[in-house]
Amino acid sequence: MLEDASQDDGAVSVVLESCTPSAAINFDAQEVYLDTSNTECIDSSCIVFHLDGNPAENCTQDCADPIEVSKRIFCAPRCDDSSDCANGLECLTILQNASSPSLSVRYCIPSSVI
């Protein structure tokens, strides 16, 4: 599921598998979209992480930047804490349950987009 990719400066970043969100909508950069039933993500969920615009390749209006699409839409595994995530990923709470914090949902998210 995870790959290490070397950058020009010698740093290593983690690349998660890409996915296509089930909903064909314009996403809001202030929100995180969680697609738990996406069949492209085995043992994980398709996440759209703070993307602005429509990620569709055939988009004609309010289109998201293709580079941002490649960075901000990915299959992410659930985690309990950052030790569950590969290097370059952080365990981040995606769904917060204020009345019962133990029911909050956390996923491994690339540090580069947080």
N, C-alpha and C. Protein backbone atom coordinates (compact mmCIF):
# COMPACT_ATOMS: atom_id res chain seq x y z
N MET A 1 0.81 -1.20 0.00
CA MET A 1 0.00 0.00 0.00
C MET A 1 0.85 1.25 0.00
N LEU A 2 1.97 1.24 0.67
CA LEU A 2 2.80 2.43 0.79
C LEU A 2 4.07 2.27 -0.02
N GLU A 3 4.55 3.36 -0.57
CA GLU A 3 5.82 3.37 -1.27
C GLU A 3 6.64 4.52 -0.73
N ASP A 4 7.96 4.37 -0.75
CA ASP A 4 8.84 5.48 -0.43
C ASP A 4 9.27 6.11 -1.75
N ALA A 5 9.23 7.41 -1.82
CA ALA A 5 9.64 8.11 -3.04
C ALA A 5 10.69 9.15 -2.67
N SER A 6 11.86 9.05 -3.28
CA SER A 6 12.91 10.02 -3.01
C SER A 6 12.64 11.30 -3.77
N GLN A 7 12.90 12.42 -3.12
CA GLN A 7 12.72 13.72 -3.75
C GLN A 7 14.09 14.23 -4.19
N ASP A 8 14.11 15.30 -5.00
CA ASP A 8 15.36 15.87 -5.51
C ASP A 8 16.33 16.26 -4.39
N ASP A 9 15.79 16.66 -3.24
CA ASP A 9 16.67 17.09 -2.15
C ASP A 9 17.15 15.92 -1.29
N GLY A 10 16.83 14.69 -1.71
CA GLY A 10 17.27 13.52 -0.98
C GLY A 10 16.32 13.07 0.11
N ALA A 11 15.31 13.88 0.42
CA ALA A 11 14.35 13.52 1.45
C ALA A 11 13.45 12.40 0.94
N VAL A 12 12.92 11.64 1.83
CA VAL A 12 12.01 10.55 1.46
C VAL A 12 10.60 10.92 1.88
N SER A 13 9.66 10.76 0.98
CA SER A 13 8.26 11.01 1.32
C SER A 13 7.48 9.73 1.06
N VAL A 14 6.34 9.62 1.68
CA VAL A 14 5.51 8.44 1.53
C VAL A 14 4.40 8.75 0.54
N VAL A 15 4.15 7.82 -0.37
CA VAL A 15 3.09 7.98 -1.34
C VAL A 15 2.05 6.90 -1.07
N LEU A 16 0.83 7.30 -0.81
CA LEU A 16 -0.27 6.36 -0.61
C LEU A 16 -0.92 6.10 -1.95
N GLU A 17 -1.57 4.94 -2.09
CA GLU A 17 -2.26 4.62 -3.34
C GLU A 17 -3.34 5.65 -3.60
N SER A 18 -3.53 5.99 -4.86
CA SER A 18 -4.57 6.95 -5.21
C SER A 18 -5.91 6.22 -5.31
N CYS A 19 -6.98 6.99 -5.28
CA CYS A 19 -8.33 6.44 -5.41
C CYS A 19 -9.21 7.49 -6.07
N THR A 20 -10.36 7.06 -6.53
CA THR A 20 -11.34 7.96 -7.12
C THR A 20 -12.53 8.05 -6.17
N PRO A 21 -12.80 9.22 -5.61
CA PRO A 21 -13.93 9.34 -4.67
C PRO A 21 -15.25 8.97 -5.34
N SER A 22 -16.13 8.33 -4.58
CA SER A 22 -17.44 7.91 -5.11
C SER A 22 -18.30 9.11 -5.51
N ALA A 23 -18.19 10.19 -4.77
CA ALA A 23 -18.99 11.38 -5.04
C ALA A 23 -18.28 12.27 -6.07
N ALA A 24 -18.99 12.65 -7.10
CA ALA A 24 -18.45 13.56 -8.11
C ALA A 24 -18.92 14.97 -7.79
N ILE A 25 -18.20 15.61 -6.89
CA ILE A 25 -18.60 16.94 -6.42
C ILE A 25 -17.40 17.88 -6.39
N ASN A 26 -17.69 19.15 -6.19
CA ASN A 26 -16.62 20.11 -5.91
C ASN A 26 -16.34 20.02 -4.42
N PHE A 27 -15.11 19.71 -4.09
CA PHE A 27 -14.73 19.58 -2.69
C PHE A 27 -14.33 20.93 -2.12
N ASP A 28 -14.45 21.06 -0.82
CA ASP A 28 -14.15 22.29 -0.10
C ASP A 28 -12.83 22.11 0.64
N ALA A 29 -11.91 23.03 0.46
CA ALA A 29 -10.59 22.94 1.07
C ALA A 29 -10.64 22.97 2.60
N GLN A 30 -11.77 23.36 3.16
CA GLN A 30 -11.91 23.40 4.62
C GLN A 30 -12.35 22.06 5.20
N GLU A 31 -12.66 21.08 4.32
CA GLU A 31 -13.24 19.82 4.78
C GLU A 31 -12.40 18.62 4.38
N VAL A 32 -12.67 17.50 5.06
CA VAL A 32 -12.08 16.21 4.73
C VAL A 32 -13.24 15.30 4.37
N TYR A 33 -13.16 14.66 3.20
CA TYR A 33 -14.19 13.74 2.73
C TYR A 33 -13.69 12.32 2.96
N LEU A 34 -14.49 11.50 3.60
CA LEU A 34 -14.12 10.14 3.94
C LEU A 34 -15.06 9.18 3.22
N ASP A 35 -14.50 8.36 2.32
CA ASP A 35 -15.25 7.41 1.52
C ASP A 35 -14.88 6.01 2.01
N THR A 36 -15.64 5.49 2.97
CA THR A 36 -15.29 4.21 3.60
C THR A 36 -15.69 2.99 2.77
N SER A 37 -16.52 3.16 1.77
CA SER A 37 -16.97 2.02 0.98
C SER A 37 -16.31 1.97 -0.40
N ASN A 38 -15.26 2.74 -0.60
CA ASN A 38 -14.57 2.77 -1.88
C ASN A 38 -13.85 1.44 -2.11
N THR A 39 -14.17 0.78 -3.23
CA THR A 39 -13.60 -0.55 -3.51
C THR A 39 -12.15 -0.50 -3.99
N GLU A 40 -11.63 0.68 -4.33
CA GLU A 40 -10.24 0.81 -4.74
C GLU A 40 -9.28 0.70 -3.55
N CYS A 41 -9.80 0.96 -2.36
CA CYS A 41 -8.96 0.97 -1.16
C CYS A 41 -9.22 -0.28 -0.34
N ILE A 42 -8.29 -1.22 -0.41
CA ILE A 42 -8.41 -2.47 0.33
C ILE A 42 -7.84 -2.24 1.73
N ASP A 43 -8.61 -2.57 2.74
CA ASP A 43 -8.21 -2.38 4.14
C ASP A 43 -7.91 -0.93 4.49
N SER A 44 -8.53 0.00 3.79
CA SER A 44 -8.35 1.42 4.07
C SER A 44 -9.55 2.18 3.50
N SER A 45 -9.54 3.50 3.62
CA SER A 45 -10.62 4.34 3.11
C SER A 45 -10.06 5.37 2.14
N CYS A 46 -10.88 5.77 1.17
CA CYS A 46 -10.49 6.83 0.24
C CYS A 46 -10.74 8.16 0.94
N ILE A 47 -9.70 8.98 1.04
CA ILE A 47 -9.80 10.26 1.72
C ILE A 47 -9.48 11.39 0.75
N VAL A 48 -10.33 12.42 0.77
CA VAL A 48 -10.06 13.67 0.06
C VAL A 48 -9.71 14.66 1.17
N PHE A 49 -8.44 15.05 1.23
CA PHE A 49 -7.93 15.83 2.35
C PHE A 49 -7.74 17.29 1.96
N HIS A 50 -8.71 18.13 2.35
CA HIS A 50 -8.64 19.58 2.14
C HIS A 50 -8.34 19.95 0.69
N LEU A 51 -9.10 19.38 -0.24
CA LEU A 51 -8.95 19.69 -1.67
C LEU A 51 -9.98 20.73 -2.06
N ASP A 52 -9.58 21.67 -2.89
CA ASP A 52 -10.48 22.72 -3.37
C ASP A 52 -10.83 22.45 -4.83
N GLY A 53 -12.12 22.16 -5.11
CA GLY A 53 -12.56 22.02 -6.49
C GLY A 53 -12.93 20.60 -6.87
N ASN A 54 -13.22 20.45 -8.16
CA ASN A 54 -13.63 19.18 -8.74
C ASN A 54 -12.40 18.45 -9.27
N PRO A 55 -12.13 17.22 -8.78
CA PRO A 55 -10.94 16.51 -9.20
C PRO A 55 -11.08 15.71 -10.50
N ALA A 56 -12.26 15.70 -11.10
CA ALA A 56 -12.49 14.89 -12.30
C ALA A 56 -11.58 15.31 -13.45
N GLU A 57 -11.06 14.33 -14.19
CA GLU A 57 -10.18 14.63 -15.32
C GLU A 57 -10.90 15.41 -16.41
N ASN A 58 -12.19 15.18 -16.57
CA ASN A 58 -12.97 15.87 -17.60
C ASN A 58 -13.66 17.12 -17.06
N CYS A 59 -13.17 17.65 -15.96
CA CYS A 59 -13.74 18.83 -15.33
C CYS A 59 -13.65 20.05 -16.26
N THR A 60 -14.72 20.84 -16.28
CA THR A 60 -14.74 22.06 -17.09
C THR A 60 -14.98 23.32 -16.26
N GLN A 61 -15.38 23.15 -15.00
CA GLN A 61 -15.69 24.31 -14.17
C GLN A 61 -15.30 24.02 -12.72
N ASP A 62 -14.71 24.99 -12.04
CA ASP A 62 -14.29 24.85 -10.65
C ASP A 62 -13.37 23.64 -10.46
N CYS A 63 -12.42 23.47 -11.37
CA CYS A 63 -11.54 22.31 -11.38
C CYS A 63 -10.42 22.43 -10.34
N ALA A 64 -10.11 21.31 -9.71
CA ALA A 64 -9.00 21.26 -8.76
C ALA A 64 -7.69 21.16 -9.54
N ASP A 65 -6.64 21.70 -8.96
CA ASP A 65 -5.31 21.61 -9.56
C ASP A 65 -4.88 20.13 -9.58
N PRO A 66 -4.47 19.60 -10.76
CA PRO A 66 -4.10 18.18 -10.86
C PRO A 66 -2.98 17.76 -9.91
N ILE A 67 -2.05 18.66 -9.62
CA ILE A 67 -0.98 18.32 -8.67
C ILE A 67 -1.55 18.16 -7.27
N GLU A 68 -2.48 19.05 -6.90
CA GLU A 68 -3.12 18.94 -5.59
C GLU A 68 -3.98 17.68 -5.51
N VAL A 69 -4.62 17.31 -6.62
CA VAL A 69 -5.42 16.09 -6.64
C VAL A 69 -4.54 14.89 -6.32
N SER A 70 -3.36 14.83 -6.93
CA SER A 70 -2.46 13.69 -6.70
C SER A 70 -1.94 13.66 -5.26
N LYS A 71 -1.86 14.79 -4.60
CA LYS A 71 -1.38 14.86 -3.22
C LYS A 71 -2.49 14.63 -2.20
N ARG A 72 -3.72 15.02 -2.53
CA ARG A 72 -4.76 15.12 -1.51
C ARG A 72 -5.88 14.09 -1.61
N ILE A 73 -5.81 13.17 -2.57
CA ILE A 73 -6.79 12.09 -2.66
C ILE A 73 -6.02 10.77 -2.60
N PHE A 74 -6.29 9.96 -1.58
CA PHE A 74 -5.51 8.75 -1.39
C PHE A 74 -6.24 7.75 -0.50
N CYS A 75 -5.81 6.49 -0.58
CA CYS A 75 -6.28 5.45 0.32
C CYS A 75 -5.46 5.55 1.60
N ALA A 76 -6.12 5.61 2.72
CA ALA A 76 -5.41 5.75 4.00
C ALA A 76 -5.90 4.70 4.99
N PRO A 77 -4.96 4.06 5.68
CA PRO A 77 -5.34 3.08 6.70
C PRO A 77 -5.70 3.76 8.02
N ARG A 78 -6.56 3.10 8.80
CA ARG A 78 -6.89 3.60 10.14
C ARG A 78 -5.71 3.38 11.07
N CYS A 79 -5.67 4.14 12.15
CA CYS A 79 -4.58 4.03 13.12
C CYS A 79 -5.10 4.39 14.51
N ASP A 80 -4.34 3.95 15.51
CA ASP A 80 -4.62 4.35 16.88
C ASP A 80 -3.68 5.47 17.32
N ASP A 81 -2.43 5.40 16.83
CA ASP A 81 -1.46 6.45 17.09
C ASP A 81 -0.40 6.41 15.98
N SER A 82 0.51 7.37 16.00
CA SER A 82 1.48 7.50 14.90
C SER A 82 2.41 6.30 14.76
N SER A 83 2.55 5.48 15.78
CA SER A 83 3.38 4.28 15.65
C SER A 83 2.75 3.26 14.71
N ASP A 84 1.45 3.41 14.42
CA ASP A 84 0.76 2.53 13.47
C ASP A 84 1.01 2.95 12.02
N CYS A 85 1.60 4.13 11.81
CA CYS A 85 1.78 4.69 10.47
C CYS A 85 3.23 4.57 10.03
N ALA A 86 3.43 4.48 8.71
CA ALA A 86 4.78 4.44 8.15
C ALA A 86 5.45 5.81 8.30
N ASN A 87 6.77 5.84 8.13
CA ASN A 87 7.50 7.11 8.15
C ASN A 87 6.88 8.08 7.15
N GLY A 88 6.76 9.33 7.53
CA GLY A 88 6.18 10.34 6.64
C GLY A 88 4.67 10.47 6.76
N LEU A 89 4.07 9.65 7.63
CA LEU A 89 2.63 9.71 7.87
C LEU A 89 2.38 10.01 9.34
N GLU A 90 1.29 10.70 9.61
CA GLU A 90 0.88 10.99 10.98
C GLU A 90 -0.53 10.47 11.20
N CYS A 91 -0.77 9.97 12.40
CA CYS A 91 -2.09 9.49 12.77
C CYS A 91 -2.93 10.71 13.15
N LEU A 92 -3.93 11.01 12.35
CA LEU A 92 -4.71 12.23 12.51
C LEU A 92 -6.18 11.90 12.71
N THR A 93 -6.83 12.57 13.65
CA THR A 93 -8.26 12.38 13.87
C THR A 93 -9.02 13.03 12.72
N ILE A 94 -9.81 12.21 12.01
CA ILE A 94 -10.60 12.70 10.88
C ILE A 94 -12.03 12.98 11.33
N LEU A 95 -12.58 12.10 12.14
CA LEU A 95 -13.92 12.29 12.69
C LEU A 95 -13.81 12.37 14.20
N GLN A 96 -14.20 13.50 14.77
CA GLN A 96 -14.10 13.73 16.20
C GLN A 96 -15.47 13.52 16.85
N ASN A 97 -15.54 12.66 17.84
CA ASN A 97 -16.76 12.46 18.59
C ASN A 97 -16.58 13.14 19.95
N ALA A 98 -17.13 14.32 20.11
CA ALA A 98 -16.92 15.13 21.31
C ALA A 98 -17.49 14.47 22.56
N SER A 99 -18.62 13.79 22.43
CA SER A 99 -19.23 13.18 23.61
C SER A 99 -18.55 11.87 24.01
N SER A 100 -17.88 11.22 23.06
CA SER A 100 -17.19 9.96 23.37
C SER A 100 -15.91 9.89 22.54
N PRO A 101 -14.82 10.48 23.04
CA PRO A 101 -13.56 10.53 22.28
C PRO A 101 -13.06 9.16 21.82
N SER A 102 -13.42 8.10 22.53
CA SER A 102 -12.97 6.76 22.12
C SER A 102 -13.60 6.33 20.80
N LEU A 103 -14.67 6.99 20.38
CA LEU A 103 -15.33 6.67 19.11
C LEU A 103 -14.80 7.53 17.96
N SER A 104 -13.84 8.39 18.23
CA SER A 104 -13.24 9.21 17.17
C SER A 104 -12.49 8.30 16.21
N VAL A 105 -12.40 8.72 14.94
CA VAL A 105 -11.78 7.90 13.90
C VAL A 105 -10.50 8.58 13.43
N ARG A 106 -9.40 7.81 13.39
CA ARG A 106 -8.09 8.34 13.02
C ARG A 106 -7.52 7.57 11.83
N TYR A 107 -6.81 8.31 10.96
CA TYR A 107 -6.21 7.72 9.77
C TYR A 107 -4.77 8.21 9.62
N CYS A 108 -3.95 7.39 8.95
CA CYS A 108 -2.57 7.77 8.62
C CYS A 108 -2.61 8.75 7.44
N ILE A 109 -2.14 9.98 7.65
CA ILE A 109 -2.20 11.04 6.66
C ILE A 109 -0.77 11.52 6.37
N PRO A 110 -0.44 11.76 5.10
CA PRO A 110 0.91 12.25 4.79
C PRO A 110 1.21 13.58 5.51
N SER A 111 2.35 13.63 6.17
CA SER A 111 2.76 14.85 6.88
C SER A 111 2.83 16.05 5.93
N SER A 112 3.14 15.80 4.67
CA SER A 112 3.32 16.88 3.70
C SER A 112 2.04 17.64 3.38
N VAL A 113 0.85 17.09 3.71
CA VAL A 113 -0.40 17.79 3.40
C VAL A 113 -1.11 18.31 4.64
N ILE A 114 -0.57 18.02 5.80
CA ILE A 114 -1.22 18.45 7.05
C ILE A 114 -0.90 19.91 7.31
